[in-house]
Amino acid sequence: MAEANVYDFTVRDIQGNEKSLEEYRGKALLIVNTASKCGFTPQFEGLQTLHKELGGRGFEVLGFPCNQFLNQDPGNDEAISQFCSLNYGVDFPMFSKVEVNGAGAHPLFQFLKREAKGLMGSEKVKWNFTKFLVGPDGQVIRRYPPTAKPEDIRADIEKLL
């Protein structure tokens, strides 16, 4: 049976614990593939601001480190977690490093890419900080390119809350 929504997936958090995305049922989600050494890394600040300001209204940012783009997140989960916390005060949920493209792509990202295609119908994630907006019903609403700043997505998030 094909997955119907994001709640059908289990992921590993950055501490190594299995987590069902079912925990986020009823919340709007922004799922982002992140990297610690990327030109877009300062977006952690904007993502944290969204999390802080909208979190109490039923919104969550979910960060998934990825090292598939020019080796821009080479550290282990502990190093990534420390970097995000120390440099950007990140306290939104971060998950274990994943692959977003290719044969080893995490099933969650396979689903997200199928549901919200990129430029010219491409399913491939082009770079770090590609963002997927998911409604409270678990359906993928939209994909945003890495260049879309978190604050530019705020109005779309607020429509879901």
C-alpha atoms as a PDB file:
ATOM      1  CA  MET A   1       0.000   0.000   0.000  1.00  0.00           C
ATOM      2  CA  ALA A   2       1.345   3.438  -0.911  1.00  0.00           C
ATOM      3  CA  GLU A   3       1.790   5.998   1.820  1.00  0.00           C
ATOM      4  CA  ALA A   4      -1.178   8.324   2.135  1.00  0.00           C
ATOM      5  CA  ASN A   5       0.499  11.092   4.138  1.00  0.00           C
ATOM      6  CA  VAL A   6       3.609  11.950   6.155  1.00  0.00           C
ATOM      7  CA  TYR A   7       2.186  10.325   9.289  1.00  0.00           C
ATOM      8  CA  ASP A   8       2.817   6.924   7.691  1.00  0.00           C
ATOM      9  CA  PHE A   9       6.592   7.343   8.146  1.00  0.00           C
ATOM     10  CA  THR A  10       9.000   6.525  10.931  1.00  0.00           C
ATOM     11  CA  VAL A  11      12.264   8.432  11.186  1.00  0.00           C
ATOM     12  CA  ARG A  12      15.250   8.427  13.531  1.00  0.00           C
ATOM     13  CA  ASP A  13      15.760  11.546  15.651  1.00  0.00           C
ATOM     14  CA  ILE A  14      19.214  13.054  16.049  1.00  0.00           C
ATOM     15  CA  GLN A  15      19.653  11.165  19.347  1.00  0.00           C
ATOM     16  CA  GLY A  16      19.100   7.886  17.468  1.00  0.00           C
ATOM     17  CA  ASN A  17      15.540   7.124  18.639  1.00  0.00           C
ATOM     18  CA  GLU A  18      12.892   5.832  16.233  1.00  0.00           C
ATOM     19  CA  LYS A  19      10.014   8.314  15.987  1.00  0.00           C
ATOM     20  CA  SER A  20       6.726   8.056  14.175  1.00  0.00           C
ATOM     21  CA  LEU A  21       5.703  11.225  12.380  1.00  0.00           C
ATOM     22  CA  GLU A  22       2.240  10.344  13.697  1.00  0.00           C
ATOM     23  CA  GLU A  23       3.346  12.416  16.729  1.00  0.00           C
ATOM     24  CA  TYR A  24       2.879  15.525  14.579  1.00  0.00           C
ATOM     25  CA  ARG A  25      -0.662  14.751  13.400  1.00  0.00           C
ATOM     26  CA  GLY A  26      -2.774  17.896  13.296  1.00  0.00           C
ATOM     27  CA  LYS A  27       0.207  20.247  12.968  1.00  0.00           C
ATOM     28  CA  ALA A  28       1.459  22.163   9.949  1.00  0.00           C
ATOM     29  CA  LEU A  29       5.024  21.039   9.210  1.00  0.00           C
ATOM     30  CA  LEU A  30       7.967  22.496   7.348  1.00  0.00           C
ATOM     31  CA  ILE A  31      10.311  19.602   6.520  1.00  0.00           C
ATOM     32  CA  VAL A  32      13.783  20.804   5.517  1.00  0.00           C
ATOM     33  CA  ASN A  33      16.957  19.048   4.414  1.00  0.00           C
ATOM     34  CA  THR A  34      19.669  20.965   6.247  1.00  0.00           C
ATOM     35  CA  ALA A  35      23.463  21.295   6.189  1.00  0.00           C
ATOM     36  CA  SER A  36      25.945  22.890   8.585  1.00  0.00           C
ATOM     37  CA  LYS A  37      28.479  24.151   6.045  1.00  0.00           C
ATOM     38  CA  CYS A  38      26.311  25.571   3.259  1.00  0.00           C
ATOM     39  CA  GLY A  39      25.764  29.100   2.007  1.00  0.00           C
ATOM     40  CA  PHE A  40      22.139  28.665   3.122  1.00  0.00           C
ATOM     41  CA  THR A  41      23.097  27.515   6.658  1.00  0.00           C
ATOM     42  CA  PRO A  42      22.120  30.929   8.141  1.00  0.00           C
ATOM     43  CA  GLN A  43      18.521  29.949   7.307  1.00  0.00           C
ATOM     44  CA  PHE A  44      18.626  27.982  10.581  1.00  0.00           C
ATOM     45  CA  GLU A  45      18.057  31.371  12.229  1.00  0.00           C
ATOM     46  CA  GLY A  46      14.867  32.024  10.246  1.00  0.00           C
ATOM     47  CA  LEU A  47      13.649  28.460  10.769  1.00  0.00           C
ATOM     48  CA  GLN A  48      14.178  28.827  14.522  1.00  0.00           C
ATOM     49  CA  THR A  49      12.243  32.128  14.479  1.00  0.00           C
ATOM     50  CA  LEU A  50       9.296  30.451  12.717  1.00  0.00           C
ATOM     51  CA  HIS A  51       9.437  27.598  15.232  1.00  0.00           C
ATOM     52  CA  LYS A  52       9.516  29.987  18.193  1.00  0.00           C
ATOM     53  CA  GLU A  53       6.788  32.323  16.943  1.00  0.00           C
ATOM     54  CA  LEU A  54       4.373  29.791  15.404  1.00  0.00           C
ATOM     55  CA  GLY A  55       5.116  26.649  17.418  1.00  0.00           C
ATOM     56  CA  GLY A  56       2.415  27.373  19.971  1.00  0.00           C
ATOM     57  CA  ARG A  57      -0.157  27.623  17.174  1.00  0.00           C
ATOM     58  CA  GLY A  58       0.310  24.094  15.834  1.00  0.00           C
ATOM     59  CA  PHE A  59       3.428  24.382  13.674  1.00  0.00           C
ATOM     60  CA  GLU A  60       6.699  22.443  13.682  1.00  0.00           C
ATOM     61  CA  VAL A  61       9.933  22.686  11.716  1.00  0.00           C
ATOM     62  CA  LEU A  62      11.535  19.269  11.175  1.00  0.00           C
ATOM     63  CA  GLY A  63      15.206  19.369  10.174  1.00  0.00           C
ATOM     64  CA  PHE A  64      16.897  16.497   8.343  1.00  0.00           C
ATOM     65  CA  PRO A  65      20.661  16.909   7.892  1.00  0.00           C
ATOM     66  CA  CYS A  66      21.965  15.719   4.532  1.00  0.00           C
ATOM     67  CA  ASN A  67      25.524  15.356   3.261  1.00  0.00           C
ATOM     68  CA  GLN A  68      24.711  14.698  -0.406  1.00  0.00           C
ATOM     69  CA  PHE A  69      25.543  18.173  -1.695  1.00  0.00           C
ATOM     70  CA  LEU A  70      29.298  18.864  -1.840  1.00  0.00           C
ATOM     71  CA  ASN A  71      29.929  17.198   1.532  1.00  0.00           C
ATOM     72  CA  GLN A  72      28.384  20.166   3.377  1.00  0.00           C
ATOM     73  CA  ASP A  73      27.296  18.233   6.478  1.00  0.00           C
ATOM     74  CA  PRO A  74      30.129  15.744   7.092  1.00  0.00           C
ATOM     75  CA  GLY A  75      29.794  15.572  10.904  1.00  0.00           C
ATOM     76  CA  ASN A  76      28.048  12.858  12.867  1.00  0.00           C
ATOM     77  CA  ASP A  77      24.619  13.436  14.422  1.00  0.00           C
ATOM     78  CA  GLU A  78      26.086  14.638  17.719  1.00  0.00           C
ATOM     79  CA  ALA A  79      28.332  17.202  15.999  1.00  0.00           C
ATOM     80  CA  ILE A  80      25.420  18.430  13.851  1.00  0.00           C
ATOM     81  CA  SER A  81      23.170  18.744  16.889  1.00  0.00           C
ATOM     82  CA  GLN A  82      25.803  20.734  18.812  1.00  0.00           C
ATOM     83  CA  PHE A  83      26.471  22.997  15.817  1.00  0.00           C
ATOM     84  CA  CYS A  84      22.774  23.829  15.351  1.00  0.00           C
ATOM     85  CA  SER A  85      22.209  24.448  19.030  1.00  0.00           C
ATOM     86  CA  LEU A  86      25.357  26.497  19.695  1.00  0.00           C
ATOM     87  CA  ASN A  87      25.338  28.601  16.519  1.00  0.00           C
ATOM     88  CA  TYR A  88      21.620  29.084  15.903  1.00  0.00           C
ATOM     89  CA  GLY A  89      19.857  28.164  19.145  1.00  0.00           C
ATOM     90  CA  VAL A  90      17.940  25.458  17.295  1.00  0.00           C
ATOM     91  CA  ASP A  91      15.442  23.694  19.506  1.00  0.00           C
ATOM     92  CA  PHE A  92      13.062  22.446  16.820  1.00  0.00           C
ATOM     93  CA  PRO A  93      13.209  18.704  16.156  1.00  0.00           C
ATOM     94  CA  MET A  94      16.313  17.581  14.280  1.00  0.00           C
ATOM     95  CA  PHE A  95      16.665  14.096  12.887  1.00  0.00           C
ATOM     96  CA  SER A  96      19.438  11.721  11.969  1.00  0.00           C
ATOM     97  CA  LYS A  97      21.308  12.430   8.748  1.00  0.00           C
ATOM     98  CA  VAL A  98      19.464  11.163   5.656  1.00  0.00           C
ATOM     99  CA  GLU A  99      19.921  10.896   1.933  1.00  0.00           C
ATOM    100  CA  VAL A 100      17.292  12.776  -0.067  1.00  0.00           C
ATOM    101  CA  ASN A 101      18.221  11.605  -3.588  1.00  0.00           C
ATOM    102  CA  GLY A 102      19.267   8.372  -5.234  1.00  0.00           C
ATOM    103  CA  ALA A 103      18.779   4.723  -4.333  1.00  0.00           C
ATOM    104  CA  GLY A 104      19.428   5.402  -0.639  1.00  0.00           C
ATOM    105  CA  ALA A 105      16.922   8.241  -0.340  1.00  0.00           C
ATOM    106  CA  HIS A 106      14.911   8.030   2.867  1.00  0.00           C
ATOM    107  CA  PRO A 107      11.324   6.865   2.167  1.00  0.00           C
ATOM    108  CA  LEU A 108       9.961  10.112   3.658  1.00  0.00           C
ATOM    109  CA  PHE A 109      11.876  12.159   1.087  1.00  0.00           C
ATOM    110  CA  GLN A 110      10.869   9.795  -1.718  1.00  0.00           C
ATOM    111  CA  PHE A 111       7.263  10.539  -0.732  1.00  0.00           C
ATOM    112  CA  LEU A 112       7.761  14.314  -0.367  1.00  0.00           C
ATOM    113  CA  LYS A 113       9.441  14.554  -3.789  1.00  0.00           C
ATOM    114  CA  ARG A 114       6.663  12.551  -5.447  1.00  0.00           C
ATOM    115  CA  GLU A 115       3.950  14.686  -3.871  1.00  0.00           C
ATOM    116  CA  ALA A 116       5.547  18.087  -4.562  1.00  0.00           C
ATOM    117  CA  LYS A 117       7.697  18.069  -7.656  1.00  0.00           C
ATOM    118  CA  GLY A 118      10.342  20.684  -8.276  1.00  0.00           C
ATOM    119  CA  LEU A 119      11.117  22.849 -11.265  1.00  0.00           C
ATOM    120  CA  MET A 120       9.829  21.428 -14.554  1.00  0.00           C
ATOM    121  CA  GLY A 121       8.395  18.360 -12.807  1.00  0.00           C
ATOM    122  CA  SER A 122      11.714  17.180 -11.403  1.00  0.00           C
ATOM    123  CA  GLU A 123      11.514  15.012  -8.311  1.00  0.00           C
ATOM    124  CA  LYS A 124      15.181  15.438  -7.412  1.00  0.00           C
ATOM    125  CA  VAL A 125      16.069  17.667  -4.460  1.00  0.00           C
ATOM    126  CA  LYS A 126      18.463  20.192  -5.994  1.00  0.00           C
ATOM    127  CA  TRP A 127      20.293  21.420  -2.885  1.00  0.00           C
ATOM    128  CA  ASN A 128      20.358  21.863   0.894  1.00  0.00           C
ATOM    129  CA  PHE A 129      17.477  23.737   2.516  1.00  0.00           C
ATOM    130  CA  THR A 130      14.802  22.576   0.100  1.00  0.00           C
ATOM    131  CA  LYS A 131      11.593  22.930   2.120  1.00  0.00           C
ATOM    132  CA  PHE A 132       8.348  20.959   2.020  1.00  0.00           C
ATOM    133  CA  LEU A 133       5.217  22.453   3.572  1.00  0.00           C
ATOM    134  CA  VAL A 134       2.812  19.848   4.949  1.00  0.00           C
ATOM    135  CA  GLY A 135      -0.732  20.564   6.106  1.00  0.00           C
ATOM    136  CA  PRO A 136      -2.237  19.434   9.416  1.00  0.00           C
ATOM    137  CA  ASP A 137      -3.816  16.502   7.520  1.00  0.00           C
ATOM    138  CA  GLY A 138      -0.361  15.191   6.567  1.00  0.00           C
ATOM    139  CA  GLN A 139      -0.701  16.112   2.889  1.00  0.00           C
ATOM    140  CA  VAL A 140       2.222  17.780   1.120  1.00  0.00           C
ATOM    141  CA  ILE A 141       1.156  21.248   0.017  1.00  0.00           C
ATOM    142  CA  ARG A 142       4.202  22.784  -1.610  1.00  0.00           C
ATOM    143  CA  ARG A 143       7.935  22.546  -2.214  1.00  0.00           C
ATOM    144  CA  TYR A 144      10.128  25.627  -1.801  1.00  0.00           C
ATOM    145  CA  PRO A 145      13.599  26.003  -3.294  1.00  0.00           C
ATOM    146  CA  PRO A 146      16.688  26.543  -1.116  1.00  0.00           C
ATOM    147  CA  THR A 147      16.629  30.243  -2.021  1.00  0.00           C
ATOM    148  CA  ALA A 148      13.204  30.705  -0.369  1.00  0.00           C
ATOM    149  CA  LYS A 149      13.924  32.279   2.997  1.00  0.00           C
ATOM    150  CA  PRO A 150      11.916  30.983   5.972  1.00  0.00           C
ATOM    151  CA  GLU A 151      10.308  34.418   6.476  1.00  0.00           C
ATOM    152  CA  ASP A 152       9.054  34.309   2.859  1.00  0.00           C
ATOM    153  CA  ILE A 153       7.104  31.120   3.653  1.00  0.00           C
ATOM    154  CA  ARG A 154       5.494  32.479   6.834  1.00  0.00           C
ATOM    155  CA  ALA A 155       2.258  33.674   5.190  1.00  0.00           C
ATOM    156  CA  ASP A 156       1.687  30.221   3.620  1.00  0.00           C
ATOM    157  CA  ILE A 157       2.253  28.587   7.030  1.00  0.00           C
ATOM    158  CA  GLU A 158      -0.099  30.972   8.804  1.00  0.00           C
ATOM    159  CA  LYS A 159      -2.906  30.111   6.345  1.00  0.00           C
ATOM    160  CA  LEU A 160      -2.713  26.535   7.665  1.00  0.00           C
ATOM    161  CA  LEU A 161      -2.895  27.448  11.358  1.00  0.00           C
END
